[in-house]
Amino acid sequence: MGTLGAVTDDTFESAVLAASGVVIVDFWAEWCPPCKHLEPVLEQLASEHPEITIVKMDADANPERTIEYGALSLPTLKVFVDGRLDRTLVGAKPRAALERELAKYLTVP
């Protein structure tokens, strides 16, 4: 799973809902090729943008939050700001497209 943190149904509240700032949750699955293609892009964004936190949630192993947040197509990114859901992105995107979609959350160097 690389260098991105992981959350579970049990840790979601403390890691995402109680967090301040921007937390992006990547709902993914081991069997999902687009999810695997998105992972290095997310790792790069996380390393270049310390103002955001990106975590991964295995949708198969954590059905409670996956269903609660409607992550029915994978990959799905849920953007939380100060614990509140602000945006949903569905599907793998190239880095440039993902950066455009997330621009309002990213500090420009």
N, C-alpha and C. Protein backbone atom coordinates (compact mmCIF):
# COMPACT_ATOMS: atom_id res chain seq x y z
N MET A 1 0.80 -1.20 0.00
CA MET A 1 0.00 0.00 0.00
C MET A 1 0.84 1.26 0.00
N GLY A 2 2.13 1.18 -0.09
CA GLY A 2 2.94 2.39 -0.22
C GLY A 2 3.04 3.19 1.07
N THR A 3 3.21 4.50 0.93
CA THR A 3 3.45 5.36 2.08
C THR A 3 2.22 6.09 2.59
N LEU A 4 1.09 5.87 1.98
CA LEU A 4 -0.13 6.52 2.44
C LEU A 4 -0.66 5.81 3.68
N GLY A 5 -1.23 6.59 4.60
CA GLY A 5 -1.81 5.99 5.79
C GLY A 5 -3.06 5.21 5.45
N ALA A 6 -3.48 4.37 6.39
CA ALA A 6 -4.68 3.57 6.19
C ALA A 6 -5.68 3.88 7.30
N VAL A 7 -6.95 3.86 6.96
CA VAL A 7 -8.01 3.98 7.95
C VAL A 7 -8.94 2.79 7.81
N THR A 8 -9.65 2.52 8.89
CA THR A 8 -10.61 1.41 8.91
C THR A 8 -11.94 1.96 9.41
N ASP A 9 -12.94 1.10 9.40
CA ASP A 9 -14.23 1.49 9.97
C ASP A 9 -14.04 1.98 11.40
N ASP A 10 -13.17 1.31 12.15
CA ASP A 10 -12.96 1.65 13.56
C ASP A 10 -12.17 2.94 13.77
N THR A 11 -11.24 3.27 12.87
CA THR A 11 -10.40 4.46 13.06
C THR A 11 -10.89 5.67 12.26
N PHE A 12 -11.91 5.50 11.46
CA PHE A 12 -12.38 6.56 10.58
C PHE A 12 -12.75 7.83 11.34
N GLU A 13 -13.48 7.67 12.42
CA GLU A 13 -13.94 8.85 13.15
C GLU A 13 -12.77 9.67 13.68
N SER A 14 -11.80 9.02 14.31
CA SER A 14 -10.68 9.77 14.89
C SER A 14 -9.72 10.29 13.81
N ALA A 15 -9.51 9.51 12.75
CA ALA A 15 -8.53 9.89 11.72
C ALA A 15 -9.08 10.87 10.69
N VAL A 16 -10.39 10.85 10.46
CA VAL A 16 -10.97 11.67 9.40
C VAL A 16 -11.95 12.70 9.97
N LEU A 17 -12.96 12.23 10.68
CA LEU A 17 -14.02 13.13 11.13
C LEU A 17 -13.56 14.08 12.23
N ALA A 18 -12.61 13.66 13.05
CA ALA A 18 -12.11 14.51 14.13
C ALA A 18 -10.88 15.31 13.72
N ALA A 19 -10.41 15.12 12.50
CA ALA A 19 -9.19 15.80 12.04
C ALA A 19 -9.48 17.23 11.62
N SER A 20 -8.49 18.09 11.83
CA SER A 20 -8.61 19.45 11.30
C SER A 20 -7.89 19.52 9.97
N GLY A 21 -8.32 20.43 9.12
CA GLY A 21 -7.71 20.55 7.81
C GLY A 21 -8.33 19.60 6.81
N VAL A 22 -7.59 19.37 5.71
CA VAL A 22 -8.09 18.57 4.60
C VAL A 22 -7.59 17.13 4.72
N VAL A 23 -8.53 16.19 4.69
CA VAL A 23 -8.21 14.77 4.66
C VAL A 23 -8.92 14.17 3.45
N ILE A 24 -8.15 13.52 2.60
CA ILE A 24 -8.71 12.86 1.42
C ILE A 24 -8.68 11.36 1.68
N VAL A 25 -9.85 10.74 1.58
CA VAL A 25 -9.96 9.30 1.79
C VAL A 25 -10.10 8.63 0.43
N ASP A 26 -9.17 7.73 0.15
CA ASP A 26 -9.18 6.95 -1.09
C ASP A 26 -9.83 5.60 -0.79
N PHE A 27 -11.07 5.42 -1.24
CA PHE A 27 -11.73 4.12 -1.12
C PHE A 27 -11.23 3.27 -2.29
N TRP A 28 -10.63 2.14 -1.98
CA TRP A 28 -9.97 1.31 -2.98
C TRP A 28 -10.21 -0.16 -2.66
N ALA A 29 -9.74 -1.05 -3.55
CA ALA A 29 -9.78 -2.49 -3.32
C ALA A 29 -8.58 -3.12 -4.02
N GLU A 30 -8.10 -4.21 -3.47
CA GLU A 30 -6.93 -4.92 -4.01
C GLU A 30 -7.16 -5.38 -5.45
N TRP A 31 -8.38 -5.76 -5.78
CA TRP A 31 -8.70 -6.30 -7.11
C TRP A 31 -8.92 -5.22 -8.17
N CYS A 32 -8.82 -3.95 -7.80
CA CYS A 32 -9.18 -2.83 -8.67
C CYS A 32 -7.96 -2.23 -9.39
N PRO A 33 -7.76 -2.54 -10.69
CA PRO A 33 -6.60 -1.98 -11.40
C PRO A 33 -6.55 -0.45 -11.41
N PRO A 34 -7.67 0.28 -11.64
CA PRO A 34 -7.57 1.74 -11.59
C PRO A 34 -7.12 2.26 -10.22
N CYS A 35 -7.49 1.55 -9.17
CA CYS A 35 -7.06 1.94 -7.82
C CYS A 35 -5.53 1.87 -7.72
N LYS A 36 -4.96 0.82 -8.29
CA LYS A 36 -3.50 0.65 -8.25
C LYS A 36 -2.79 1.71 -9.08
N HIS A 37 -3.41 2.14 -10.17
CA HIS A 37 -2.82 3.20 -11.00
C HIS A 37 -2.88 4.54 -10.30
N LEU A 38 -3.89 4.75 -9.47
CA LEU A 38 -4.05 6.02 -8.77
C LEU A 38 -3.10 6.16 -7.58
N GLU A 39 -2.70 5.05 -6.99
CA GLU A 39 -1.90 5.10 -5.77
C GLU A 39 -0.61 5.92 -5.89
N PRO A 40 0.21 5.73 -6.93
CA PRO A 40 1.43 6.54 -7.01
C PRO A 40 1.15 8.04 -7.18
N VAL A 41 0.06 8.36 -7.85
CA VAL A 41 -0.33 9.77 -8.00
C VAL A 41 -0.67 10.36 -6.64
N LEU A 42 -1.42 9.62 -5.85
CA LEU A 42 -1.78 10.09 -4.52
C LEU A 42 -0.55 10.19 -3.62
N GLU A 43 0.37 9.25 -3.74
CA GLU A 43 1.61 9.30 -2.95
C GLU A 43 2.41 10.55 -3.30
N GLN A 44 2.50 10.89 -4.57
CA GLN A 44 3.21 12.11 -4.99
C GLN A 44 2.53 13.35 -4.43
N LEU A 45 1.21 13.41 -4.55
CA LEU A 45 0.48 14.57 -4.02
C LEU A 45 0.69 14.70 -2.52
N ALA A 46 0.64 13.60 -1.81
CA ALA A 46 0.82 13.63 -0.35
C ALA A 46 2.23 14.12 0.01
N SER A 47 3.23 13.69 -0.74
CA SER A 47 4.60 14.11 -0.41
C SER A 47 4.86 15.56 -0.80
N GLU A 48 4.21 16.05 -1.82
CA GLU A 48 4.42 17.43 -2.27
C GLU A 48 3.50 18.44 -1.61
N HIS A 49 2.45 17.97 -0.95
CA HIS A 49 1.48 18.87 -0.33
C HIS A 49 1.23 18.46 1.12
N PRO A 50 2.14 18.87 2.02
CA PRO A 50 1.98 18.48 3.42
C PRO A 50 0.76 19.11 4.09
N GLU A 51 0.12 20.06 3.43
CA GLU A 51 -1.06 20.70 4.00
C GLU A 51 -2.30 19.79 3.92
N ILE A 52 -2.20 18.70 3.18
CA ILE A 52 -3.32 17.75 3.10
C ILE A 52 -2.85 16.39 3.64
N THR A 53 -3.81 15.62 4.08
CA THR A 53 -3.56 14.25 4.50
C THR A 53 -4.33 13.33 3.57
N ILE A 54 -3.67 12.31 3.05
CA ILE A 54 -4.34 11.34 2.19
C ILE A 54 -4.23 9.98 2.85
N VAL A 55 -5.39 9.34 3.02
CA VAL A 55 -5.42 8.01 3.61
C VAL A 55 -6.21 7.07 2.71
N LYS A 56 -5.94 5.79 2.86
CA LYS A 56 -6.60 4.78 2.04
C LYS A 56 -7.53 3.95 2.91
N MET A 57 -8.68 3.61 2.35
CA MET A 57 -9.61 2.72 3.04
C MET A 57 -9.96 1.57 2.12
N ASP A 58 -9.62 0.36 2.53
CA ASP A 58 -9.94 -0.84 1.76
C ASP A 58 -11.45 -1.05 1.84
N ALA A 59 -12.13 -0.83 0.73
CA ALA A 59 -13.59 -0.89 0.69
C ALA A 59 -14.12 -2.28 1.03
N ASP A 60 -13.41 -3.32 0.64
CA ASP A 60 -13.86 -4.68 0.93
C ASP A 60 -13.77 -5.00 2.42
N ALA A 61 -12.72 -4.55 3.05
CA ALA A 61 -12.49 -4.85 4.47
C ALA A 61 -13.25 -3.91 5.40
N ASN A 62 -13.77 -2.81 4.87
CA ASN A 62 -14.44 -1.80 5.68
C ASN A 62 -15.79 -1.40 5.07
N PRO A 63 -16.74 -2.32 5.06
CA PRO A 63 -18.00 -2.05 4.38
C PRO A 63 -18.86 -0.98 5.05
N GLU A 64 -18.73 -0.81 6.36
CA GLU A 64 -19.60 0.14 7.07
C GLU A 64 -19.44 1.55 6.53
N ARG A 65 -18.22 2.08 6.53
CA ARG A 65 -17.99 3.46 6.04
C ARG A 65 -18.12 3.53 4.52
N THR A 66 -17.76 2.46 3.84
CA THR A 66 -17.89 2.44 2.38
C THR A 66 -19.34 2.63 1.98
N ILE A 67 -20.25 1.92 2.65
CA ILE A 67 -21.67 2.05 2.35
C ILE A 67 -22.19 3.40 2.85
N GLU A 68 -21.79 3.79 4.05
CA GLU A 68 -22.25 5.06 4.63
C GLU A 68 -21.95 6.24 3.71
N TYR A 69 -20.76 6.22 3.10
CA TYR A 69 -20.36 7.34 2.24
C TYR A 69 -20.58 7.07 0.75
N GLY A 70 -21.27 5.99 0.43
CA GLY A 70 -21.67 5.73 -0.95
C GLY A 70 -20.52 5.54 -1.92
N ALA A 71 -19.45 4.93 -1.45
CA ALA A 71 -18.29 4.68 -2.33
C ALA A 71 -18.53 3.36 -3.06
N LEU A 72 -19.46 3.37 -3.99
CA LEU A 72 -19.88 2.15 -4.68
C LEU A 72 -19.07 1.86 -5.92
N SER A 73 -18.43 2.86 -6.50
CA SER A 73 -17.52 2.69 -7.63
C SER A 73 -16.12 2.98 -7.12
N LEU A 74 -15.18 2.17 -7.54
CA LEU A 74 -13.81 2.35 -7.06
C LEU A 74 -12.88 2.68 -8.21
N PRO A 75 -11.90 3.53 -7.98
CA PRO A 75 -11.65 4.26 -6.75
C PRO A 75 -12.61 5.45 -6.58
N THR A 76 -12.88 5.78 -5.34
CA THR A 76 -13.63 6.97 -4.99
C THR A 76 -12.81 7.76 -3.98
N LEU A 77 -12.64 9.05 -4.24
CA LEU A 77 -11.97 9.93 -3.30
C LEU A 77 -13.02 10.80 -2.63
N LYS A 78 -12.98 10.84 -1.30
CA LYS A 78 -13.87 11.70 -0.52
C LYS A 78 -12.99 12.74 0.16
N VAL A 79 -13.27 14.00 -0.07
CA VAL A 79 -12.49 15.10 0.50
C VAL A 79 -13.24 15.65 1.70
N PHE A 80 -12.60 15.58 2.86
CA PHE A 80 -13.17 16.11 4.10
C PHE A 80 -12.39 17.34 4.52
N VAL A 81 -13.09 18.37 4.94
CA VAL A 81 -12.47 19.58 5.45
C VAL A 81 -12.98 19.78 6.88
N ASP A 82 -12.05 19.75 7.81
CA ASP A 82 -12.40 19.86 9.23
C ASP A 82 -13.51 18.89 9.61
N GLY A 83 -13.40 17.65 9.10
CA GLY A 83 -14.33 16.59 9.46
C GLY A 83 -15.64 16.56 8.70
N ARG A 84 -15.82 17.48 7.77
CA ARG A 84 -17.08 17.52 7.00
C ARG A 84 -16.81 17.17 5.54
N LEU A 85 -17.64 16.32 4.98
CA LEU A 85 -17.49 15.94 3.58
C LEU A 85 -17.70 17.16 2.70
N ASP A 86 -16.71 17.45 1.86
CA ASP A 86 -16.76 18.63 1.00
C ASP A 86 -16.87 18.29 -0.48
N ARG A 87 -16.32 17.13 -0.88
CA ARG A 87 -16.27 16.82 -2.31
C ARG A 87 -16.08 15.32 -2.51
N THR A 88 -16.60 14.81 -3.61
CA THR A 88 -16.43 13.42 -4.00
C THR A 88 -15.92 13.37 -5.43
N LEU A 89 -14.90 12.56 -5.65
CA LEU A 89 -14.36 12.33 -7.00
C LEU A 89 -14.39 10.82 -7.25
N VAL A 90 -14.93 10.42 -8.38
CA VAL A 90 -15.05 9.00 -8.69
C VAL A 90 -14.20 8.67 -9.90
N GLY A 91 -13.43 7.60 -9.80
CA GLY A 91 -12.61 7.12 -10.91
C GLY A 91 -11.18 7.61 -10.83
N ALA A 92 -10.30 6.85 -11.46
CA ALA A 92 -8.89 7.22 -11.52
C ALA A 92 -8.72 8.32 -12.55
N LYS A 93 -7.87 9.29 -12.22
CA LYS A 93 -7.61 10.42 -13.11
C LYS A 93 -6.10 10.61 -13.24
N PRO A 94 -5.64 11.13 -14.36
CA PRO A 94 -4.23 11.47 -14.46
C PRO A 94 -3.89 12.57 -13.44
N ARG A 95 -2.63 12.67 -13.11
CA ARG A 95 -2.21 13.62 -12.08
C ARG A 95 -2.68 15.05 -12.36
N ALA A 96 -2.51 15.53 -13.58
CA ALA A 96 -2.89 16.91 -13.91
C ALA A 96 -4.38 17.14 -13.68
N ALA A 97 -5.19 16.18 -14.08
CA ALA A 97 -6.64 16.31 -13.90
C ALA A 97 -7.00 16.27 -12.42
N LEU A 98 -6.35 15.41 -11.67
CA LEU A 98 -6.62 15.32 -10.24
C LEU A 98 -6.20 16.60 -9.53
N GLU A 99 -5.06 17.16 -9.91
CA GLU A 99 -4.62 18.42 -9.31
C GLU A 99 -5.61 19.55 -9.61
N ARG A 100 -6.16 19.57 -10.81
CA ARG A 100 -7.18 20.59 -11.14
C ARG A 100 -8.42 20.41 -10.26
N GLU A 101 -8.84 19.16 -10.09
CA GLU A 101 -10.03 18.87 -9.28
C GLU A 101 -9.80 19.24 -7.81
N LEU A 102 -8.57 19.13 -7.35
CA LEU A 102 -8.25 19.36 -5.94
C LEU A 102 -7.59 20.73 -5.68
N ALA A 103 -7.53 21.57 -6.70
CA ALA A 103 -6.78 22.83 -6.63
C ALA A 103 -7.13 23.68 -5.42
N LYS A 104 -8.41 23.76 -5.06
CA LYS A 104 -8.78 24.65 -3.96
C LYS A 104 -8.27 24.15 -2.60
N TYR A 105 -7.83 22.88 -2.54
CA TYR A 105 -7.31 22.32 -1.28
C TYR A 105 -5.79 22.34 -1.22
N LEU A 106 -5.14 22.59 -2.36
CA LEU A 106 -3.68 22.50 -2.44
C LEU A 106 -3.05 23.89 -2.37
N THR A 107 -1.98 24.01 -1.59
CA THR A 107 -1.22 25.25 -1.54
C THR A 107 -0.27 25.26 -2.72
N VAL A 108 -0.27 26.33 -3.47
CA VAL A 108 0.63 26.44 -4.61
C VAL A 108 2.00 26.81 -4.10
N PRO A 109 3.03 26.04 -4.49
CA PRO A 109 4.39 26.33 -3.99
C PRO A 109 4.94 27.63 -4.54
